[in-house]
């Protein structure tokens, strides 16, 4: 389900909306107008390059938590 960015043609408010069904016409949360302009959105992507991987901690060796060592309460010394 994509998140779209809109700008209301009536009041000028910028907002984002999760669009679950393409047949539903979105409306401005401020003025309820359906005269909207879809904005061009940028997206983020994680690559497998070495520089991108250096920004993230290594996964926890005990449980695999992507937050890195110490990110969870699991201890490898417990039995």
C-alpha atoms as a PDB file:
ATOM      1  CA  UNK A   1       0.000   0.000   0.000  1.00  0.00           C
ATOM      2  CA  UNK A   2       1.676   3.179  -1.118  1.00  0.00           C
ATOM      3  CA  UNK A   3       1.810   6.457   0.752  1.00  0.00           C
ATOM      4  CA  UNK A   4       1.128   9.411  -1.527  1.00  0.00           C
ATOM      5  CA  UNK A   5       1.888  13.082  -0.939  1.00  0.00           C
ATOM      6  CA  UNK A   6      -0.774  15.600  -1.914  1.00  0.00           C
ATOM      7  CA  UNK A   7      -1.281  19.351  -1.929  1.00  0.00           C
ATOM      8  CA  UNK A   8      -4.830  20.668  -1.642  1.00  0.00           C
ATOM      9  CA  UNK A   9      -5.767  23.037  -4.497  1.00  0.00           C
ATOM     10  CA  UNK A  10      -8.359  24.771  -2.277  1.00  0.00           C
ATOM     11  CA  UNK A  11      -6.448  25.540   0.940  1.00  0.00           C
ATOM     12  CA  UNK A  12      -2.825  24.725  -0.021  1.00  0.00           C
ATOM     13  CA  UNK A  13      -2.256  22.191   2.778  1.00  0.00           C
ATOM     14  CA  UNK A  14       0.399  19.524   2.142  1.00  0.00           C
ATOM     15  CA  UNK A  15      -0.302  16.057   3.552  1.00  0.00           C
ATOM     16  CA  UNK A  16       0.449  12.353   3.124  1.00  0.00           C
ATOM     17  CA  UNK A  17      -2.119   9.602   2.763  1.00  0.00           C
ATOM     18  CA  UNK A  18      -1.944   5.822   2.778  1.00  0.00           C
ATOM     19  CA  UNK A  19      -3.986   4.696  -0.231  1.00  0.00           C
ATOM     20  CA  UNK A  20      -5.505   1.262   0.326  1.00  0.00           C
ATOM     21  CA  UNK A  21      -8.054   1.290  -2.475  1.00  0.00           C
ATOM     22  CA  UNK A  22      -7.473   3.123  -5.754  1.00  0.00           C
ATOM     23  CA  UNK A  23     -11.208   3.700  -6.271  1.00  0.00           C
ATOM     24  CA  UNK A  24     -11.512   5.820  -3.090  1.00  0.00           C
ATOM     25  CA  UNK A  25     -11.054   9.538  -3.813  1.00  0.00           C
ATOM     26  CA  UNK A  26      -8.802  11.088  -1.128  1.00  0.00           C
ATOM     27  CA  UNK A  27      -9.816  14.349   0.521  1.00  0.00           C
ATOM     28  CA  UNK A  28      -7.933  17.126   2.297  1.00  0.00           C
ATOM     29  CA  UNK A  29      -7.915  16.596   6.092  1.00  0.00           C
ATOM     30  CA  UNK A  30      -8.193  20.371   6.656  1.00  0.00           C
ATOM     31  CA  UNK A  31     -10.991  21.501   4.311  1.00  0.00           C
ATOM     32  CA  UNK A  32     -12.364  18.157   2.988  1.00  0.00           C
ATOM     33  CA  UNK A  33     -11.821  19.233  -0.644  1.00  0.00           C
ATOM     34  CA  UNK A  34     -11.149  16.534  -3.226  1.00  0.00           C
ATOM     35  CA  UNK A  35      -9.301  18.962  -5.541  1.00  0.00           C
ATOM     36  CA  UNK A  36      -5.818  17.639  -4.862  1.00  0.00           C
ATOM     37  CA  UNK A  37      -2.503  17.676  -6.683  1.00  0.00           C
ATOM     38  CA  UNK A  38      -0.370  14.571  -6.276  1.00  0.00           C
ATOM     39  CA  UNK A  39       3.179  15.648  -5.454  1.00  0.00           C
ATOM     40  CA  UNK A  40       6.310  14.018  -6.762  1.00  0.00           C
ATOM     41  CA  UNK A  41       7.775  11.978  -3.907  1.00  0.00           C
ATOM     42  CA  UNK A  42      11.278  10.782  -3.218  1.00  0.00           C
ATOM     43  CA  UNK A  43      11.818   7.353  -1.728  1.00  0.00           C
ATOM     44  CA  UNK A  44      14.555   5.786   0.361  1.00  0.00           C
ATOM     45  CA  UNK A  45      16.391   2.624  -0.583  1.00  0.00           C
ATOM     46  CA  UNK A  46      18.928   0.586   1.341  1.00  0.00           C
ATOM     47  CA  UNK A  47      21.741  -0.670  -0.825  1.00  0.00           C
ATOM     48  CA  UNK A  48      24.228  -3.421  -0.191  1.00  0.00           C
ATOM     49  CA  UNK A  49      27.269  -1.183  -0.634  1.00  0.00           C
ATOM     50  CA  UNK A  50      29.942  -1.140   2.065  1.00  0.00           C
ATOM     51  CA  UNK A  51      29.250   2.497   2.955  1.00  0.00           C
ATOM     52  CA  UNK A  52      25.543   1.806   3.544  1.00  0.00           C
ATOM     53  CA  UNK A  53      26.290  -1.226   5.708  1.00  0.00           C
ATOM     54  CA  UNK A  54      28.746   0.784   7.811  1.00  0.00           C
ATOM     55  CA  UNK A  55      25.866   3.032   8.953  1.00  0.00           C
ATOM     56  CA  UNK A  56      23.966   0.167  10.584  1.00  0.00           C
ATOM     57  CA  UNK A  57      25.138  -1.833  13.627  1.00  0.00           C
ATOM     58  CA  UNK A  58      25.874  -5.523  13.245  1.00  0.00           C
ATOM     59  CA  UNK A  59      22.965  -7.754  14.322  1.00  0.00           C
ATOM     60  CA  UNK A  60      22.967  -9.177  17.830  1.00  0.00           C
ATOM     61  CA  UNK A  61      24.874 -12.469  17.826  1.00  0.00           C
ATOM     62  CA  UNK A  62      22.472 -14.010  20.370  1.00  0.00           C
ATOM     63  CA  UNK A  63      19.047 -13.334  18.890  1.00  0.00           C
ATOM     64  CA  UNK A  64      19.621 -11.599  15.533  1.00  0.00           C
ATOM     65  CA  UNK A  65      18.050  -8.301  16.642  1.00  0.00           C
ATOM     66  CA  UNK A  66      18.961  -5.759  13.924  1.00  0.00           C
ATOM     67  CA  UNK A  67      19.479  -3.086  16.602  1.00  0.00           C
ATOM     68  CA  UNK A  68      22.862  -4.605  17.371  1.00  0.00           C
ATOM     69  CA  UNK A  69      24.483  -6.120  20.456  1.00  0.00           C
ATOM     70  CA  UNK A  70      22.680  -5.129  23.661  1.00  0.00           C
ATOM     71  CA  UNK A  71      19.499  -4.079  21.828  1.00  0.00           C
ATOM     72  CA  UNK A  72      17.481  -6.842  23.458  1.00  0.00           C
ATOM     73  CA  UNK A  73      17.249  -8.334  26.946  1.00  0.00           C
ATOM     74  CA  UNK A  74      18.392 -11.763  25.733  1.00  0.00           C
ATOM     75  CA  UNK A  75      21.686 -12.913  27.211  1.00  0.00           C
ATOM     76  CA  UNK A  76      23.688 -15.786  25.731  1.00  0.00           C
ATOM     77  CA  UNK A  77      24.942 -16.657  29.247  1.00  0.00           C
ATOM     78  CA  UNK A  78      21.463 -17.621  30.470  1.00  0.00           C
ATOM     79  CA  UNK A  79      20.457 -21.260  30.177  1.00  0.00           C
END
